[in-house]
């Protein structure tokens, strides 16, 4: 198993502790991209499922394997379009921030050919 690389953003994780309703200054997007080249002779057995979020607060995750480059390509993107966040949206934001932050906990099963 290969663990996916990721970045930790303390200010983003701090949103999990905020009290809502609340107004934010501006909409924002936070994303991580992955381009993981595998050594020659290795292949990915399976990929975690993609996630296509919709709405004013959404999380999108995509992963695909490029046979031509023998690489895993992926992206996770948290999109917050709302400036006024009520209690319900605040709970959604907490859950999606936690999911975005857990990107690095995912693993990719690989095998030597």
PDB file of N, CA and C in Angstrom:
ATOM      1  N   UNK A   1       0.838  -1.186   0.000  1.00  0.00           N
ATOM      2  CA  UNK A   1       0.000   0.000   0.000  1.00  0.00           C
ATOM      3  C   UNK A   1       0.880   1.245   0.000  1.00  0.00           C
ATOM      4  N   UNK A   2       0.506   2.195  -0.827  1.00  0.00           N
ATOM      5  CA  UNK A   2       1.209   3.472  -0.904  1.00  0.00           C
ATOM      6  C   UNK A   2       0.274   4.535  -0.359  1.00  0.00           C
ATOM      7  N   UNK A   3       0.738   5.262   0.636  1.00  0.00           N
ATOM      8  CA  UNK A   3      -0.067   6.333   1.222  1.00  0.00           C
ATOM      9  C   UNK A   3       0.001   7.559   0.324  1.00  0.00           C
ATOM     10  N   UNK A   4      -1.134   8.201   0.135  1.00  0.00           N
ATOM     11  CA  UNK A   4      -1.176   9.379  -0.726  1.00  0.00           C
ATOM     12  C   UNK A   4      -0.579  10.576   0.003  1.00  0.00           C
ATOM     13  N   UNK A   5       0.284  11.330  -0.665  1.00  0.00           N
ATOM     14  CA  UNK A   5       0.855  12.528  -0.038  1.00  0.00           C
ATOM     15  C   UNK A   5      -0.225  13.606   0.114  1.00  0.00           C
ATOM     16  N   UNK A   6      -0.076  14.439   1.131  1.00  0.00           N
ATOM     17  CA  UNK A   6      -1.031  15.525   1.336  1.00  0.00           C
ATOM     18  C   UNK A   6      -0.367  16.637   2.137  1.00  0.00           C
ATOM     19  N   UNK A   7      -1.092  17.725   2.281  1.00  0.00           N
ATOM     20  CA  UNK A   7      -0.603  18.872   3.031  1.00  0.00           C
ATOM     21  C   UNK A   7      -1.595  19.161   4.160  1.00  0.00           C
ATOM     22  N   UNK A   8      -1.092  19.617   5.291  1.00  0.00           N
ATOM     23  CA  UNK A   8      -1.930  19.971   6.436  1.00  0.00           C
ATOM     24  C   UNK A   8      -2.009  21.494   6.518  1.00  0.00           C
ATOM     25  N   UNK A   9      -3.224  22.032   6.544  1.00  0.00           N
ATOM     26  CA  UNK A   9      -3.436  23.471   6.644  1.00  0.00           C
ATOM     27  C   UNK A   9      -4.139  23.772   7.968  1.00  0.00           C
ATOM     28  N   UNK A  10      -3.394  24.218   8.983  1.00  0.00           N
ATOM     29  CA  UNK A  10      -3.994  24.454  10.312  1.00  0.00           C
ATOM     30  C   UNK A  10      -5.170  25.435  10.281  1.00  0.00           C
ATOM     31  N   UNK A  11      -5.088  26.467   9.451  1.00  0.00           N
ATOM     32  CA  UNK A  11      -6.182  27.444   9.411  1.00  0.00           C
ATOM     33  C   UNK A  11      -7.455  26.816   8.866  1.00  0.00           C
ATOM     34  N   UNK A  12      -7.321  25.844   7.959  1.00  0.00           N
ATOM     35  CA  UNK A  12      -8.507  25.181   7.419  1.00  0.00           C
ATOM     36  C   UNK A  12      -9.116  24.268   8.481  1.00  0.00           C
ATOM     37  N   UNK A  13      -8.262  23.536   9.182  1.00  0.00           N
ATOM     38  CA  UNK A  13      -8.757  22.657  10.246  1.00  0.00           C
ATOM     39  C   UNK A  13      -9.418  23.466  11.367  1.00  0.00           C
ATOM     40  N   UNK A  14      -9.001  24.725  11.549  1.00  0.00           N
ATOM     41  CA  UNK A  14      -9.604  25.582  12.573  1.00  0.00           C
ATOM     42  C   UNK A  14     -11.085  25.849  12.275  1.00  0.00           C
ATOM     43  N   UNK A  15     -11.490  25.748  11.008  1.00  0.00           N
ATOM     44  CA  UNK A  15     -12.899  25.939  10.659  1.00  0.00           C
ATOM     45  C   UNK A  15     -13.797  24.893  11.311  1.00  0.00           C
ATOM     46  N   UNK A  16     -13.217  23.732  11.628  1.00  0.00           N
ATOM     47  CA  UNK A  16     -14.003  22.679  12.275  1.00  0.00           C
ATOM     48  C   UNK A  16     -14.454  23.097  13.679  1.00  0.00           C
ATOM     49  N   UNK A  17     -13.774  24.052  14.295  1.00  0.00           N
ATOM     50  CA  UNK A  17     -14.080  24.495  15.658  1.00  0.00           C
ATOM     51  C   UNK A  17     -14.967  25.737  15.691  1.00  0.00           C
ATOM     52  N   UNK A  18     -15.215  26.349  14.535  1.00  0.00           N
ATOM     53  CA  UNK A  18     -16.003  27.588  14.490  1.00  0.00           C
ATOM     54  C   UNK A  18     -17.458  27.340  14.858  1.00  0.00           C
ATOM     55  N   UNK A  19     -18.089  28.370  15.402  1.00  0.00           N
ATOM     56  CA  UNK A  19     -19.517  28.341  15.714  1.00  0.00           C
ATOM     57  C   UNK A  19     -20.273  29.019  14.569  1.00  0.00           C
ATOM     58  N   UNK A  20     -21.370  28.423  14.153  1.00  0.00           N
ATOM     59  CA  UNK A  20     -22.160  28.967  13.051  1.00  0.00           C
ATOM     60  C   UNK A  20     -23.563  29.244  13.555  1.00  0.00           C
ATOM     61  N   UNK A  21     -24.277  30.237  13.024  1.00  0.00           N
ATOM     62  CA  UNK A  21     -24.071  30.934  11.762  1.00  0.00           C
ATOM     63  C   UNK A  21     -22.931  31.947  11.847  1.00  0.00           C
ATOM     64  N   UNK A  22     -22.351  32.203  10.686  1.00  0.00           N
ATOM     65  CA  UNK A  22     -21.230  33.118  10.590  1.00  0.00           C
ATOM     66  C   UNK A  22     -21.101  33.604   9.148  1.00  0.00           C
ATOM     67  N   UNK A  23     -20.528  34.772   9.012  1.00  0.00           N
ATOM     68  CA  UNK A  23     -20.283  35.326   7.677  1.00  0.00           C
ATOM     69  C   UNK A  23     -18.785  35.258   7.416  1.00  0.00           C
ATOM     70  N   UNK A  24     -18.406  34.767   6.235  1.00  0.00           N
ATOM     71  CA  UNK A  24     -16.995  34.778   5.864  1.00  0.00           C
ATOM     72  C   UNK A  24     -16.774  35.942   4.897  1.00  0.00           C
ATOM     73  N   UNK A  25     -15.551  36.382   4.799  1.00  0.00           N
ATOM     74  CA  UNK A  25     -15.258  37.583   4.003  1.00  0.00           C
ATOM     75  C   UNK A  25     -15.417  37.360   2.505  1.00  0.00           C
ATOM     76  N   UNK A  26     -15.098  36.165   2.045  1.00  0.00           N
ATOM     77  CA  UNK A  26     -15.175  35.892   0.612  1.00  0.00           C
ATOM     78  C   UNK A  26     -15.230  34.384   0.377  1.00  0.00           C
ATOM     79  N   UNK A  27     -15.836  33.960  -0.718  1.00  0.00           N
ATOM     80  CA  UNK A  27     -15.822  32.529  -1.083  1.00  0.00           C
ATOM     81  C   UNK A  27     -14.382  32.087  -1.345  1.00  0.00           C
ATOM     82  N   UNK A  28     -14.119  30.784  -1.207  1.00  0.00           N
ATOM     83  CA  UNK A  28     -12.756  30.306  -1.422  1.00  0.00           C
ATOM     84  C   UNK A  28     -12.744  28.872  -1.948  1.00  0.00           C
ATOM     85  N   UNK A  29     -11.595  28.500  -2.486  1.00  0.00           N
ATOM     86  CA  UNK A  29     -11.331  27.151  -2.988  1.00  0.00           C
ATOM     87  C   UNK A  29      -9.983  26.717  -2.432  1.00  0.00           C
ATOM     88  N   UNK A  30      -9.918  25.480  -1.936  1.00  0.00           N
ATOM     89  CA  UNK A  30      -8.667  24.905  -1.457  1.00  0.00           C
ATOM     90  C   UNK A  30      -8.504  23.581  -2.190  1.00  0.00           C
ATOM     91  N   UNK A  31      -7.347  23.381  -2.807  1.00  0.00           N
ATOM     92  CA  UNK A  31      -7.174  22.136  -3.557  1.00  0.00           C
ATOM     93  C   UNK A  31      -5.782  21.547  -3.384  1.00  0.00           C
ATOM     94  N   UNK A  32      -5.723  20.245  -3.556  1.00  0.00           N
ATOM     95  CA  UNK A  32      -4.459  19.510  -3.588  1.00  0.00           C
ATOM     96  C   UNK A  32      -4.466  18.715  -4.893  1.00  0.00           C
ATOM     97  N   UNK A  33      -3.323  18.662  -5.532  1.00  0.00           N
ATOM     98  CA  UNK A  33      -3.201  17.862  -6.746  1.00  0.00           C
ATOM     99  C   UNK A  33      -2.123  16.810  -6.541  1.00  0.00           C
ATOM    100  N   UNK A  34      -2.308  15.691  -7.200  1.00  0.00           N
ATOM    101  CA  UNK A  34      -1.415  14.557  -7.050  1.00  0.00           C
ATOM    102  C   UNK A  34      -0.955  14.089  -8.422  1.00  0.00           C
ATOM    103  N   UNK A  35       0.337  13.897  -8.569  1.00  0.00           N
ATOM    104  CA  UNK A  35       0.931  13.294  -9.766  1.00  0.00           C
ATOM    105  C   UNK A  35       1.993  12.336  -9.250  1.00  0.00           C
ATOM    106  N   UNK A  36       1.600  11.086  -9.058  1.00  0.00           N
ATOM    107  CA  UNK A  36       2.447  10.091  -8.419  1.00  0.00           C
ATOM    108  C   UNK A  36       2.918   9.075  -9.456  1.00  0.00           C
ATOM    109  N   UNK A  37       4.165   9.211  -9.877  1.00  0.00           N
ATOM    110  CA  UNK A  37       4.738   8.280 -10.845  1.00  0.00           C
ATOM    111  C   UNK A  37       5.160   7.000 -10.139  1.00  0.00           C
ATOM    112  N   UNK A  38       4.793   5.886 -10.725  1.00  0.00           N
ATOM    113  CA  UNK A  38       5.154   4.587 -10.154  1.00  0.00           C
ATOM    114  C   UNK A  38       6.425   4.068 -10.810  1.00  0.00           C
ATOM    115  N   UNK A  39       7.221   3.325 -10.081  1.00  0.00           N
ATOM    116  CA  UNK A  39       8.422   2.738 -10.685  1.00  0.00           C
ATOM    117  C   UNK A  39       8.030   1.754 -11.791  1.00  0.00           C
ATOM    118  N   UNK A  40       8.933   1.585 -12.723  1.00  0.00           N
ATOM    119  CA  UNK A  40       8.683   0.646 -13.815  1.00  0.00           C
ATOM    120  C   UNK A  40       8.412  -0.741 -13.234  1.00  0.00           C
ATOM    121  N   UNK A  41       7.410  -1.404 -13.774  1.00  0.00           N
ATOM    122  CA  UNK A  41       7.072  -2.735 -13.310  1.00  0.00           C
ATOM    123  C   UNK A  41       6.011  -2.765 -12.222  1.00  0.00           C
ATOM    124  N   UNK A  42       5.516  -1.624 -11.798  1.00  0.00           N
ATOM    125  CA  UNK A  42       4.473  -1.559 -10.784  1.00  0.00           C
ATOM    126  C   UNK A  42       3.176  -1.068 -11.419  1.00  0.00           C
ATOM    127  N   UNK A  43       2.064  -1.535 -10.860  1.00  0.00           N
ATOM    128  CA  UNK A  43       0.756  -1.068 -11.335  1.00  0.00           C
ATOM    129  C   UNK A  43      -0.181  -0.908 -10.144  1.00  0.00           C
ATOM    130  N   UNK A  44      -1.198  -0.083 -10.323  1.00  0.00           N
ATOM    131  CA  UNK A  44      -2.203   0.152  -9.283  1.00  0.00           C
ATOM    132  C   UNK A  44      -3.281  -0.922  -9.409  1.00  0.00           C
ATOM    133  N   UNK A  45      -3.634  -1.536  -8.291  1.00  0.00           N
ATOM    134  CA  UNK A  45      -4.667  -2.568  -8.303  1.00  0.00           C
ATOM    135  C   UNK A  45      -6.071  -1.974  -8.310  1.00  0.00           C
ATOM    136  N   UNK A  46      -6.274  -0.909  -7.544  1.00  0.00           N
ATOM    137  CA  UNK A  46      -7.578  -0.236  -7.521  1.00  0.00           C
ATOM    138  C   UNK A  46      -7.397   1.193  -7.018  1.00  0.00           C
ATOM    139  N   UNK A  47      -8.373   2.031  -7.334  1.00  0.00           N
ATOM    140  CA  UNK A  47      -8.355   3.426  -6.896  1.00  0.00           C
ATOM    141  C   UNK A  47      -9.535   3.678  -5.968  1.00  0.00           C
ATOM    142  N   UNK A  48      -9.371   4.554  -4.980  1.00  0.00           N
ATOM    143  CA  UNK A  48     -10.525   4.930  -4.158  1.00  0.00           C
ATOM    144  C   UNK A  48     -11.586   5.578  -5.044  1.00  0.00           C
ATOM    145  N   UNK A  49     -12.856   5.489  -4.656  1.00  0.00           N
ATOM    146  CA  UNK A  49     -13.911   6.078  -5.484  1.00  0.00           C
ATOM    147  C   UNK A  49     -13.797   7.596  -5.565  1.00  0.00           C
ATOM    148  N   UNK A  50     -14.217   8.145  -6.696  1.00  0.00           N
ATOM    149  CA  UNK A  50     -14.247   9.596  -6.872  1.00  0.00           C
ATOM    150  C   UNK A  50     -15.461  10.162  -6.142  1.00  0.00           C
ATOM    151  N   UNK A  51     -15.424  11.451  -5.918  1.00  0.00           N
ATOM    152  CA  UNK A  51     -16.516  12.134  -5.231  1.00  0.00           C
ATOM    153  C   UNK A  51     -16.789  13.421  -5.987  1.00  0.00           C
ATOM    154  N   UNK A  52     -18.022  13.621  -6.411  1.00  0.00           N
ATOM    155  CA  UNK A  52     -18.384  14.824  -7.165  1.00  0.00           C
ATOM    156  C   UNK A  52     -19.435  15.589  -6.371  1.00  0.00           C
ATOM    157  N   UNK A  53     -18.999  16.571  -5.613  1.00  0.00           N
ATOM    158  CA  UNK A  53     -19.907  17.346  -4.772  1.00  0.00           C
ATOM    159  C   UNK A  53     -20.597  18.450  -5.538  1.00  0.00           C
ATOM    160  N   UNK A  54     -21.772  18.802  -5.078  1.00  0.00           N
ATOM    161  CA  UNK A  54     -22.558  19.884  -5.662  1.00  0.00           C
ATOM    162  C   UNK A  54     -23.001  20.817  -4.549  1.00  0.00           C
ATOM    163  N   UNK A  55     -23.372  22.016  -4.899  1.00  0.00           N
ATOM    164  CA  UNK A  55     -23.934  22.934  -3.921  1.00  0.00           C
ATOM    165  C   UNK A  55     -23.011  24.084  -3.581  1.00  0.00           C
ATOM    166  N   UNK A  56     -23.433  24.863  -2.597  1.00  0.00           N
ATOM    167  CA  UNK A  56     -22.688  26.066  -2.203  1.00  0.00           C
ATOM    168  C   UNK A  56     -21.427  25.727  -1.422  1.00  0.00           C
ATOM    169  N   UNK A  57     -21.409  24.547  -0.820  1.00  0.00           N
ATOM    170  CA  UNK A  57     -20.209  24.028  -0.166  1.00  0.00           C
ATOM    171  C   UNK A  57     -20.048  22.608  -0.679  1.00  0.00           C
ATOM    172  N   UNK A  58     -18.940  22.331  -1.374  1.00  0.00           N
ATOM    173  CA  UNK A  58     -18.802  21.026  -2.027  1.00  0.00           C
ATOM    174  C   UNK A  58     -17.358  20.539  -1.972  1.00  0.00           C
ATOM    175  N   UNK A  59     -17.223  19.224  -1.950  1.00  0.00           N
ATOM    176  CA  UNK A  59     -15.918  18.583  -2.012  1.00  0.00           C
ATOM    177  C   UNK A  59     -15.894  17.692  -3.244  1.00  0.00           C
ATOM    178  N   UNK A  60     -14.886  17.879  -4.081  1.00  0.00           N
ATOM    179  CA  UNK A  60     -14.722  17.052  -5.276  1.00  0.00           C
ATOM    180  C   UNK A  60     -13.390  16.331  -5.181  1.00  0.00           C
ATOM    181  N   UNK A  61     -13.421  15.036  -5.424  1.00  0.00           N
ATOM    182  CA  UNK A  61     -12.199  14.225  -5.417  1.00  0.00           C
ATOM    183  C   UNK A  61     -12.187  13.365  -6.678  1.00  0.00           C
ATOM    184  N   UNK A  62     -11.075  13.398  -7.375  1.00  0.00           N
ATOM    185  CA  UNK A  62     -10.935  12.545  -8.552  1.00  0.00           C
ATOM    186  C   UNK A  62      -9.559  11.886  -8.517  1.00  0.00           C
ATOM    187  N   UNK A  63      -9.526  10.644  -8.938  1.00  0.00           N
ATOM    188  CA  UNK A  63      -8.280   9.888  -9.080  1.00  0.00           C
ATOM    189  C   UNK A  63      -8.388   9.059 -10.345  1.00  0.00           C
ATOM    190  N   UNK A  64      -7.317   9.020 -11.096  1.00  0.00           N
ATOM    191  CA  UNK A  64      -7.285   8.162 -12.282  1.00  0.00           C
ATOM    192  C   UNK A  64      -5.865   7.663 -12.487  1.00  0.00           C
ATOM    193  N   UNK A  65      -5.764   6.569 -13.210  1.00  0.00           N
ATOM    194  CA  UNK A  65      -4.459   5.995 -13.501  1.00  0.00           C
ATOM    195  C   UNK A  65      -4.142   6.214 -14.970  1.00  0.00           C
ATOM    196  N   UNK A  66      -2.982   6.781 -15.244  1.00  0.00           N
ATOM    197  CA  UNK A  66      -2.525   6.987 -16.611  1.00  0.00           C
ATOM    198  C   UNK A  66      -1.550   5.866 -16.964  1.00  0.00           C
ATOM    199  N   UNK A  67      -1.998   4.950 -17.813  1.00  0.00           N
ATOM    200  CA  UNK A  67      -1.117   3.841 -18.216  1.00  0.00           C
ATOM    201  C   UNK A  67       0.067   4.349 -19.030  1.00  0.00           C
ATOM    202  N   UNK A  68      -0.175   5.359 -19.845  1.00  0.00           N
ATOM    203  CA  UNK A  68       0.886   5.915 -20.687  1.00  0.00           C
ATOM    204  C   UNK A  68       2.056   6.438 -19.841  1.00  0.00           C
ATOM    205  N   UNK A  69       1.732   7.114 -18.738  1.00  0.00           N
ATOM    206  CA  UNK A  69       2.767   7.685 -17.861  1.00  0.00           C
ATOM    207  C   UNK A  69       3.088   6.800 -16.674  1.00  0.00           C
ATOM    208  N   UNK A  70       2.307   5.715 -16.489  1.00  0.00           N
ATOM    209  CA  UNK A  70       2.406   4.841 -15.327  1.00  0.00           C
ATOM    210  C   UNK A  70       2.376   5.689 -14.047  1.00  0.00           C
ATOM    211  N   UNK A  71       1.312   6.508 -13.957  1.00  0.00           N
ATOM    212  CA  UNK A  71       1.195   7.444 -12.845  1.00  0.00           C
ATOM    213  C   UNK A  71      -0.253   7.552 -12.392  1.00  0.00           C
ATOM    214  N   UNK A  72      -0.408   7.847 -11.116  1.00  0.00           N
ATOM    215  CA  UNK A  72      -1.724   8.143 -10.559  1.00  0.00           C
ATOM    216  C   UNK A  72      -1.872   9.657 -10.540  1.00  0.00           C
ATOM    217  N   UNK A  73      -2.961  10.145 -11.123  1.00  0.00           N
ATOM    218  CA  UNK A  73      -3.232  11.577 -11.185  1.00  0.00           C
ATOM    219  C   UNK A  73      -4.509  11.836 -10.397  1.00  0.00           C
ATOM    220  N   UNK A  74      -4.493  12.847  -9.560  1.00  0.00           N
ATOM    221  CA  UNK A  74      -5.679  13.102  -8.764  1.00  0.00           C
ATOM    222  C   UNK A  74      -5.756  14.523  -8.261  1.00  0.00           C
ATOM    223  N   UNK A  75      -6.917  14.812  -7.692  1.00  0.00           N
ATOM    224  CA  UNK A  75      -7.162  16.147  -7.174  1.00  0.00           C
ATOM    225  C   UNK A  75      -8.271  16.058  -6.127  1.00  0.00           C
ATOM    226  N   UNK A  76      -8.131  16.830  -5.072  1.00  0.00           N
ATOM    227  CA  UNK A  76      -9.214  17.038  -4.123  1.00  0.00           C
ATOM    228  C   UNK A  76      -9.398  18.545  -3.987  1.00  0.00           C
ATOM    229  N   UNK A  77     -10.655  18.960  -4.066  1.00  0.00           N
ATOM    230  CA  UNK A  77     -10.940  20.395  -4.094  1.00  0.00           C
ATOM    231  C   UNK A  77     -12.153  20.687  -3.215  1.00  0.00           C
ATOM    232  N   UNK A  78     -11.959  21.580  -2.247  1.00  0.00           N
ATOM    233  CA  UNK A  78     -13.038  22.062  -1.396  1.00  0.00           C
ATOM    234  C   UNK A  78     -13.448  23.432  -1.918  1.00  0.00           C
ATOM    235  N   UNK A  79     -14.724  23.560  -2.285  1.00  0.00           N
ATOM    236  CA  UNK A  79     -15.245  24.799  -2.857  1.00  0.00           C
ATOM    237  C   UNK A  79     -16.308  25.360  -1.923  1.00  0.00           C
ATOM    238  N   UNK A  80     -16.093  26.594  -1.463  1.00  0.00           N
ATOM    239  CA  UNK A  80     -17.069  27.277  -0.614  1.00  0.00           C
ATOM    240  C   UNK A  80     -17.511  28.525  -1.362  1.00  0.00           C
ATOM    241  N   UNK A  81     -18.763  28.490  -1.865  1.00  0.00           N
ATOM    242  CA  UNK A  81     -19.303  29.610  -2.642  1.00  0.00           C
ATOM    243  C   UNK A  81     -20.136  30.558  -1.793  1.00  0.00           C
ATOM    244  N   UNK A  82     -20.530  30.117  -0.614  1.00  0.00           N
ATOM    245  CA  UNK A  82     -21.401  30.914   0.255  1.00  0.00           C
ATOM    246  C   UNK A  82     -20.586  31.882   1.102  1.00  0.00           C
ATOM    247  N   UNK A  83     -21.124  33.063   1.316  1.00  0.00           N
ATOM    248  CA  UNK A  83     -20.497  34.010   2.236  1.00  0.00           C
ATOM    249  C   UNK A  83     -21.197  33.988   3.589  1.00  0.00           C
ATOM    250  N   UNK A  84     -22.482  33.691   3.593  1.00  0.00           N
ATOM    251  CA  UNK A  84     -23.249  33.556   4.830  1.00  0.00           C
ATOM    252  C   UNK A  84     -23.460  32.074   5.076  1.00  0.00           C
ATOM    253  N   UNK A  85     -22.945  31.563   6.198  1.00  0.00           N
ATOM    254  CA  UNK A  85     -23.018  30.138   6.496  1.00  0.00           C
ATOM    255  C   UNK A  85     -23.892  29.952   7.734  1.00  0.00           C
ATOM    256  N   UNK A  86     -25.042  29.297   7.536  1.00  0.00           N
ATOM    257  CA  UNK A  86     -25.935  29.025   8.664  1.00  0.00           C
ATOM    258  C   UNK A  86     -25.482  27.754   9.384  1.00  0.00           C
ATOM    259  N   UNK A  87     -26.222  27.349  10.406  1.00  0.00           N
ATOM    260  CA  UNK A  87     -25.822  26.191  11.224  1.00  0.00           C
ATOM    261  C   UNK A  87     -25.750  24.913  10.396  1.00  0.00           C
ATOM    262  N   UNK A  88     -26.714  24.706   9.506  1.00  0.00           N
ATOM    263  CA  UNK A  88     -26.737  23.495   8.669  1.00  0.00           C
ATOM    264  C   UNK A  88     -25.538  23.468   7.715  1.00  0.00           C
ATOM    265  N   UNK A  89     -25.281  24.602   7.075  1.00  0.00           N
ATOM    266  CA  UNK A  89     -24.134  24.682   6.167  1.00  0.00           C
ATOM    267  C   UNK A  89     -22.828  24.566   6.951  1.00  0.00           C
ATOM    268  N   UNK A  90     -22.815  25.076   8.168  1.00  0.00           N
ATOM    269  CA  UNK A  90     -21.623  24.987   9.013  1.00  0.00           C
ATOM    270  C   UNK A  90     -21.274  23.539   9.321  1.00  0.00           C
ATOM    271  N   UNK A  91     -22.288  22.722   9.583  1.00  0.00           N
ATOM    272  CA  UNK A  91     -22.049  21.297   9.839  1.00  0.00           C
ATOM    273  C   UNK A  91     -21.522  20.612   8.582  1.00  0.00           C
ATOM    274  N   UNK A  92     -22.084  20.957   7.435  1.00  0.00           N
ATOM    275  CA  UNK A  92     -21.583  20.422   6.154  1.00  0.00           C
ATOM    276  C   UNK A  92     -20.134  20.830   5.949  1.00  0.00           C
ATOM    277  N   UNK A  93     -19.817  22.093   6.226  1.00  0.00           N
ATOM    278  CA  UNK A  93     -18.444  22.580   6.077  1.00  0.00           C
ATOM    279  C   UNK A  93     -17.497  21.809   6.991  1.00  0.00           C
ATOM    280  N   UNK A  94     -17.877  21.578   8.232  1.00  0.00           N
ATOM    281  CA  UNK A  94     -17.042  20.801   9.160  1.00  0.00           C
ATOM    282  C   UNK A  94     -16.740  19.408   8.596  1.00  0.00           C
ATOM    283  N   UNK A  95     -17.774  18.744   8.116  1.00  0.00           N
ATOM    284  CA  UNK A  95     -17.603  17.393   7.576  1.00  0.00           C
ATOM    285  C   UNK A  95     -16.703  17.385   6.344  1.00  0.00           C
ATOM    286  N   UNK A  96     -16.888  18.358   5.464  1.00  0.00           N
ATOM    287  CA  UNK A  96     -16.093  18.381   4.238  1.00  0.00           C
ATOM    288  C   UNK A  96     -14.650  18.808   4.482  1.00  0.00           C
ATOM    289  N   UNK A  97     -14.418  19.682   5.464  1.00  0.00           N
ATOM    290  CA  UNK A  97     -13.042  20.041   5.835  1.00  0.00           C
ATOM    291  C   UNK A  97     -12.329  18.796   6.374  1.00  0.00           C
ATOM    292  N   UNK A  98     -13.018  18.025   7.207  1.00  0.00           N
ATOM    293  CA  UNK A  98     -12.420  16.795   7.742  1.00  0.00           C
ATOM    294  C   UNK A  98     -12.133  15.798   6.616  1.00  0.00           C
ATOM    295  N   UNK A  99     -13.051  15.682   5.663  1.00  0.00           N
ATOM    296  CA  UNK A  99     -12.836  14.771   4.530  1.00  0.00           C
ATOM    297  C   UNK A  99     -11.670  15.246   3.669  1.00  0.00           C
ATOM    298  N   UNK A 100     -11.580  16.562   3.425  1.00  0.00           N
ATOM    299  CA  UNK A 100     -10.464  17.107   2.632  1.00  0.00           C
ATOM    300  C   UNK A 100      -9.141  16.822   3.331  1.00  0.00           C
ATOM    301  N   UNK A 101      -9.121  17.018   4.645  1.00  0.00           N
ATOM    302  CA  UNK A 101      -7.889  16.810   5.413  1.00  0.00           C
ATOM    303  C   UNK A 101      -7.489  15.334   5.469  1.00  0.00           C
ATOM    304  N   UNK A 102      -8.445  14.432   5.284  1.00  0.00           N
ATOM    305  CA  UNK A 102      -8.134  13.003   5.357  1.00  0.00           C
ATOM    306  C   UNK A 102      -7.620  12.433   4.035  1.00  0.00           C
ATOM    307  N   UNK A 103      -7.435  13.271   3.033  1.00  0.00           N
ATOM    308  CA  UNK A 103      -6.906  12.843   1.727  1.00  0.00           C
ATOM    309  C   UNK A 103      -5.624  12.034   1.910  1.00  0.00           C
ATOM    310  N   UNK A 104      -4.761  12.453   2.803  1.00  0.00           N
ATOM    311  CA  UNK A 104      -3.488  11.773   3.037  1.00  0.00           C
ATOM    312  C   UNK A 104      -3.610  10.448   3.767  1.00  0.00           C
ATOM    313  N   UNK A 105      -4.790  10.135   4.283  1.00  0.00           N
ATOM    314  CA  UNK A 105      -5.003   8.850   4.944  1.00  0.00           C
ATOM    315  C   UNK A 105      -5.381   7.747   3.963  1.00  0.00           C
ATOM    316  N   UNK A 106      -5.667   8.138   2.734  1.00  0.00           N
ATOM    317  CA  UNK A 106      -6.039   7.139   1.727  1.00  0.00           C
ATOM    318  C   UNK A 106      -4.797   6.406   1.249  1.00  0.00           C
ATOM    319  N   UNK A 107      -4.989   5.165   0.875  1.00  0.00           N
ATOM    320  CA  UNK A 107      -3.872   4.371   0.368  1.00  0.00           C
ATOM    321  C   UNK A 107      -4.207   3.805  -1.000  1.00  0.00           C
ATOM    322  N   UNK A 108      -3.170   3.563  -1.767  1.00  0.00           N
ATOM    323  CA  UNK A 108      -3.298   2.970  -3.092  1.00  0.00           C
ATOM    324  C   UNK A 108      -2.624   1.601  -3.075  1.00  0.00           C
ATOM    325  N   UNK A 109      -3.391   0.544  -3.345  1.00  0.00           N
ATOM    326  CA  UNK A 109      -2.749  -0.777  -3.430  1.00  0.00           C
ATOM    327  C   UNK A 109      -1.995  -0.913  -4.758  1.00  0.00           C
ATOM    328  N   UNK A 110      -0.706  -1.224  -4.680  1.00  0.00           N
ATOM    329  CA  UNK A 110       0.115  -1.422  -5.888  1.00  0.00           C
ATOM    330  C   UNK A 110       0.752  -2.791  -5.844  1.00  0.00           C
ATOM    331  N   UNK A 111       1.092  -3.267  -7.021  1.00  0.00           N
ATOM    332  CA  UNK A 111       1.712  -4.589  -7.114  1.00  0.00           C
ATOM    333  C   UNK A 111       2.781  -4.548  -8.208  1.00  0.00           C
ATOM    334  N   UNK A 112       3.845  -5.291  -7.960  1.00  0.00           N
ATOM    335  CA  UNK A 112       4.881  -5.450  -8.990  1.00  0.00           C
ATOM    336  C   UNK A 112       4.342  -6.439 -10.024  1.00  0.00           C
ATOM    337  N   UNK A 113       4.556  -6.131 -11.286  1.00  0.00           N
ATOM    338  CA  UNK A 113       4.060  -7.002 -12.356  1.00  0.00           C
ATOM    339  C   UNK A 113       4.828  -8.282 -12.441  1.00  0.00           C
TER     340      UNK A 113
END
